[in-house]
Amino acid sequence: MIQYYGCGSCHIIPGISGAAGLAGPPLSGIASRIYIAGVLQNTPENMMRWIENPKTVDEKTVMPNLGVTPADAADIAGYLYTLR
C-alpha cells in the first residue's frame, strides 16, 4: 500500500523500493518517535488518523489527502511501526 499510494515520492522509507523522496521527513525510526507530524502523540490510532486525512490534524500541512482507506491506513501504520 505504501507503494500504491506513492508515499515514497515524498518520504525516505526503509525497506520500500524507490522510497527516496525528500519533500517529507524520512520515516526511519518513526515507531520510536514521540510525536507524529510534531503535533500528535505517536499512537497507532493517531498514526492511522494522520495517514487517512492529515489536514484534519494540521490544516497547514503539505501532506496531501491521498484517499487512503481505513484498512490501508492500518496496514501502512502496521509497517511503519516496524521501523524502530
N, C-alpha and C. Protein backbone atom coordinates (compact mmCIF):
# COMPACT_ATOMS: atom_id res chain seq x y z
N MET A 1 0.82 -1.19 0.00
CA MET A 1 0.00 0.00 0.00
C MET A 1 0.87 1.26 0.00
N ILE A 2 2.04 1.17 0.63
CA ILE A 2 2.95 2.33 0.65
C ILE A 2 3.35 2.70 -0.78
N GLN A 3 3.63 1.70 -1.59
CA GLN A 3 3.97 1.97 -2.99
C GLN A 3 2.73 2.42 -3.77
N TYR A 4 1.60 1.79 -3.52
CA TYR A 4 0.37 2.12 -4.23
C TYR A 4 0.00 3.59 -4.07
N TYR A 5 0.08 4.10 -2.84
CA TYR A 5 -0.28 5.50 -2.58
C TYR A 5 0.85 6.48 -2.88
N GLY A 6 2.02 5.99 -3.22
CA GLY A 6 3.12 6.86 -3.61
C GLY A 6 3.82 7.56 -2.45
N CYS A 7 3.75 6.97 -1.28
CA CYS A 7 4.36 7.61 -0.09
C CYS A 7 5.85 7.89 -0.28
N GLY A 8 6.51 7.02 -1.03
CA GLY A 8 7.94 7.16 -1.25
C GLY A 8 8.32 8.30 -2.17
N SER A 9 7.34 8.93 -2.81
CA SER A 9 7.68 10.09 -3.64
C SER A 9 8.00 11.30 -2.76
N CYS A 10 7.57 11.27 -1.50
CA CYS A 10 7.85 12.38 -0.58
C CYS A 10 8.72 11.97 0.61
N HIS A 11 8.76 10.68 0.92
CA HIS A 11 9.47 10.20 2.11
C HIS A 11 10.52 9.15 1.76
N ILE A 12 11.60 9.15 2.52
CA ILE A 12 12.53 8.02 2.52
C ILE A 12 11.94 7.01 3.49
N ILE A 13 11.71 5.79 2.99
CA ILE A 13 11.09 4.76 3.83
C ILE A 13 11.93 3.49 3.72
N PRO A 14 12.64 3.13 4.79
CA PRO A 14 13.46 1.92 4.76
C PRO A 14 12.63 0.69 4.38
N GLY A 15 13.22 -0.13 3.52
CA GLY A 15 12.57 -1.37 3.13
C GLY A 15 11.59 -1.25 1.99
N ILE A 16 11.36 -0.04 1.50
CA ILE A 16 10.43 0.18 0.40
C ILE A 16 11.23 0.62 -0.83
N SER A 17 11.22 -0.19 -1.85
CA SER A 17 11.96 0.09 -3.07
C SER A 17 11.52 1.41 -3.68
N GLY A 18 12.49 2.27 -3.98
CA GLY A 18 12.21 3.54 -4.63
C GLY A 18 11.71 4.64 -3.72
N ALA A 19 11.55 4.36 -2.43
CA ALA A 19 11.04 5.38 -1.49
C ALA A 19 12.21 6.27 -1.06
N ALA A 20 12.46 7.29 -1.87
CA ALA A 20 13.61 8.16 -1.63
C ALA A 20 13.25 9.64 -1.72
N GLY A 21 11.99 9.96 -1.47
CA GLY A 21 11.54 11.34 -1.56
C GLY A 21 12.14 12.23 -0.50
N LEU A 22 12.25 13.50 -0.82
CA LEU A 22 12.87 14.45 0.10
C LEU A 22 11.92 15.58 0.52
N ALA A 23 10.67 15.53 0.11
CA ALA A 23 9.72 16.59 0.47
C ALA A 23 9.27 16.47 1.93
N GLY A 24 9.04 15.25 2.38
CA GLY A 24 8.63 15.00 3.76
C GLY A 24 9.79 14.41 4.54
N PRO A 25 9.61 14.25 5.84
CA PRO A 25 10.70 13.71 6.65
C PRO A 25 10.94 12.24 6.37
N PRO A 26 12.18 11.78 6.57
CA PRO A 26 12.44 10.35 6.45
C PRO A 26 11.66 9.62 7.55
N LEU A 27 11.16 8.44 7.22
CA LEU A 27 10.34 7.71 8.18
C LEU A 27 11.10 6.62 8.93
N SER A 28 12.40 6.57 8.76
CA SER A 28 13.19 5.64 9.57
C SER A 28 13.03 6.02 11.04
N GLY A 29 12.80 5.06 11.87
CA GLY A 29 12.66 5.30 13.30
C GLY A 29 11.33 5.91 13.71
N ILE A 30 10.36 5.98 12.80
CA ILE A 30 9.07 6.61 13.12
C ILE A 30 8.39 5.94 14.31
N ALA A 31 8.57 4.65 14.48
CA ALA A 31 7.92 3.94 15.58
C ALA A 31 8.45 4.38 16.94
N SER A 32 9.64 4.92 16.98
CA SER A 32 10.25 5.34 18.24
C SER A 32 10.06 6.83 18.54
N ARG A 33 9.47 7.54 17.64
CA ARG A 33 9.28 8.98 17.86
C ARG A 33 8.13 9.24 18.82
N ILE A 34 8.20 10.34 19.52
CA ILE A 34 7.17 10.70 20.50
C ILE A 34 5.95 11.30 19.81
N TYR A 35 6.19 12.07 18.75
CA TYR A 35 5.10 12.76 18.05
C TYR A 35 5.05 12.39 16.58
N ILE A 36 3.86 12.48 16.03
CA ILE A 36 3.64 12.35 14.59
C ILE A 36 3.36 13.77 14.09
N ALA A 37 4.10 14.16 13.06
CA ALA A 37 3.93 15.48 12.46
C ALA A 37 4.12 16.61 13.46
N GLY A 38 4.77 16.34 14.55
CA GLY A 38 5.06 17.36 15.54
C GLY A 38 3.87 17.79 16.38
N VAL A 39 2.71 17.16 16.17
CA VAL A 39 1.51 17.62 16.88
C VAL A 39 0.68 16.51 17.53
N LEU A 40 0.85 15.28 17.10
CA LEU A 40 0.05 14.16 17.64
C LEU A 40 0.93 13.21 18.42
N GLN A 41 0.45 12.76 19.56
CA GLN A 41 1.16 11.71 20.28
C GLN A 41 1.22 10.49 19.36
N ASN A 42 2.36 9.83 19.35
CA ASN A 42 2.57 8.69 18.46
C ASN A 42 1.88 7.45 19.01
N THR A 43 0.65 7.24 18.55
CA THR A 43 -0.12 6.03 18.88
C THR A 43 -0.62 5.44 17.56
N PRO A 44 -0.95 4.15 17.54
CA PRO A 44 -1.48 3.58 16.30
C PRO A 44 -2.73 4.31 15.78
N GLU A 45 -3.62 4.68 16.67
CA GLU A 45 -4.84 5.37 16.25
C GLU A 45 -4.51 6.72 15.61
N ASN A 46 -3.60 7.46 16.22
CA ASN A 46 -3.22 8.75 15.67
C ASN A 46 -2.46 8.61 14.36
N MET A 47 -1.63 7.58 14.25
CA MET A 47 -0.91 7.34 13.00
C MET A 47 -1.90 7.08 11.87
N MET A 48 -2.90 6.26 12.13
CA MET A 48 -3.90 5.97 11.11
C MET A 48 -4.69 7.23 10.75
N ARG A 49 -5.04 8.00 11.75
CA ARG A 49 -5.75 9.27 11.50
C ARG A 49 -4.93 10.18 10.60
N TRP A 50 -3.66 10.32 10.90
CA TRP A 50 -2.76 11.16 10.11
C TRP A 50 -2.66 10.67 8.67
N ILE A 51 -2.49 9.36 8.51
CA ILE A 51 -2.34 8.79 7.18
C ILE A 51 -3.62 8.96 6.36
N GLU A 52 -4.76 8.76 6.99
CA GLU A 52 -6.04 8.87 6.29
C GLU A 52 -6.36 10.29 5.84
N ASN A 53 -6.15 11.26 6.72
CA ASN A 53 -6.52 12.63 6.38
C ASN A 53 -5.70 13.62 7.19
N PRO A 54 -4.49 13.91 6.73
CA PRO A 54 -3.59 14.77 7.50
C PRO A 54 -4.11 16.19 7.74
N LYS A 55 -4.92 16.70 6.86
CA LYS A 55 -5.42 18.07 7.01
C LYS A 55 -6.37 18.21 8.21
N THR A 56 -6.97 17.12 8.68
CA THR A 56 -7.82 17.21 9.87
C THR A 56 -6.98 17.39 11.13
N VAL A 57 -5.71 17.05 11.02
CA VAL A 57 -4.78 17.19 12.15
C VAL A 57 -4.10 18.55 12.10
N ASP A 58 -3.63 18.91 10.91
CA ASP A 58 -2.92 20.18 10.72
C ASP A 58 -3.30 20.74 9.36
N GLU A 59 -4.14 21.75 9.36
CA GLU A 59 -4.63 22.30 8.09
C GLU A 59 -3.53 22.90 7.23
N LYS A 60 -2.38 23.20 7.81
CA LYS A 60 -1.28 23.81 7.05
C LYS A 60 -0.26 22.80 6.54
N THR A 61 -0.46 21.52 6.84
CA THR A 61 0.49 20.52 6.37
C THR A 61 0.51 20.46 4.85
N VAL A 62 1.65 20.15 4.30
CA VAL A 62 1.74 19.95 2.86
C VAL A 62 1.46 18.50 2.47
N MET A 63 1.33 17.64 3.46
CA MET A 63 0.99 16.25 3.16
C MET A 63 -0.44 16.20 2.63
N PRO A 64 -0.60 15.63 1.44
CA PRO A 64 -1.93 15.62 0.83
C PRO A 64 -2.82 14.51 1.38
N ASN A 65 -4.11 14.70 1.22
CA ASN A 65 -5.06 13.64 1.48
C ASN A 65 -5.07 12.76 0.24
N LEU A 66 -4.57 11.55 0.37
CA LEU A 66 -4.43 10.65 -0.78
C LEU A 66 -5.60 9.68 -0.91
N GLY A 67 -6.62 9.85 -0.06
CA GLY A 67 -7.76 8.95 -0.12
C GLY A 67 -7.47 7.57 0.42
N VAL A 68 -6.56 7.51 1.39
CA VAL A 68 -6.20 6.22 1.98
C VAL A 68 -7.38 5.69 2.78
N THR A 69 -7.75 4.46 2.53
CA THR A 69 -8.87 3.85 3.24
C THR A 69 -8.45 3.50 4.66
N PRO A 70 -9.40 3.34 5.57
CA PRO A 70 -9.05 2.93 6.93
C PRO A 70 -8.26 1.62 6.98
N ALA A 71 -8.66 0.66 6.17
CA ALA A 71 -7.94 -0.62 6.16
C ALA A 71 -6.51 -0.45 5.66
N ASP A 72 -6.33 0.35 4.61
CA ASP A 72 -4.98 0.59 4.10
C ASP A 72 -4.15 1.40 5.09
N ALA A 73 -4.78 2.35 5.77
CA ALA A 73 -4.06 3.13 6.79
C ALA A 73 -3.58 2.22 7.90
N ALA A 74 -4.39 1.25 8.28
CA ALA A 74 -3.98 0.29 9.32
C ALA A 74 -2.79 -0.53 8.85
N ASP A 75 -2.81 -0.97 7.59
CA ASP A 75 -1.68 -1.74 7.06
C ASP A 75 -0.42 -0.90 6.97
N ILE A 76 -0.55 0.33 6.50
CA ILE A 76 0.61 1.23 6.40
C ILE A 76 1.18 1.52 7.77
N ALA A 77 0.31 1.85 8.72
CA ALA A 77 0.76 2.12 10.10
C ALA A 77 1.44 0.88 10.67
N GLY A 78 0.88 -0.29 10.40
CA GLY A 78 1.50 -1.53 10.88
C GLY A 78 2.92 -1.67 10.41
N TYR A 79 3.16 -1.36 9.14
CA TYR A 79 4.52 -1.42 8.63
C TYR A 79 5.40 -0.35 9.26
N LEU A 80 4.89 0.87 9.35
CA LEU A 80 5.69 1.96 9.92
C LEU A 80 6.10 1.68 11.35
N TYR A 81 5.27 0.96 12.09
CA TYR A 81 5.62 0.63 13.47
C TYR A 81 6.69 -0.45 13.57
N THR A 82 7.11 -1.01 12.45
CA THR A 82 8.27 -1.92 12.48
C THR A 82 9.57 -1.13 12.36
N LEU A 83 9.47 0.15 12.02
CA LEU A 83 10.66 0.99 11.78
C LEU A 83 11.09 1.65 13.09
N ARG A 84 11.89 0.96 13.84
CA ARG A 84 12.37 1.45 15.13
C ARG A 84 13.75 1.95 14.95
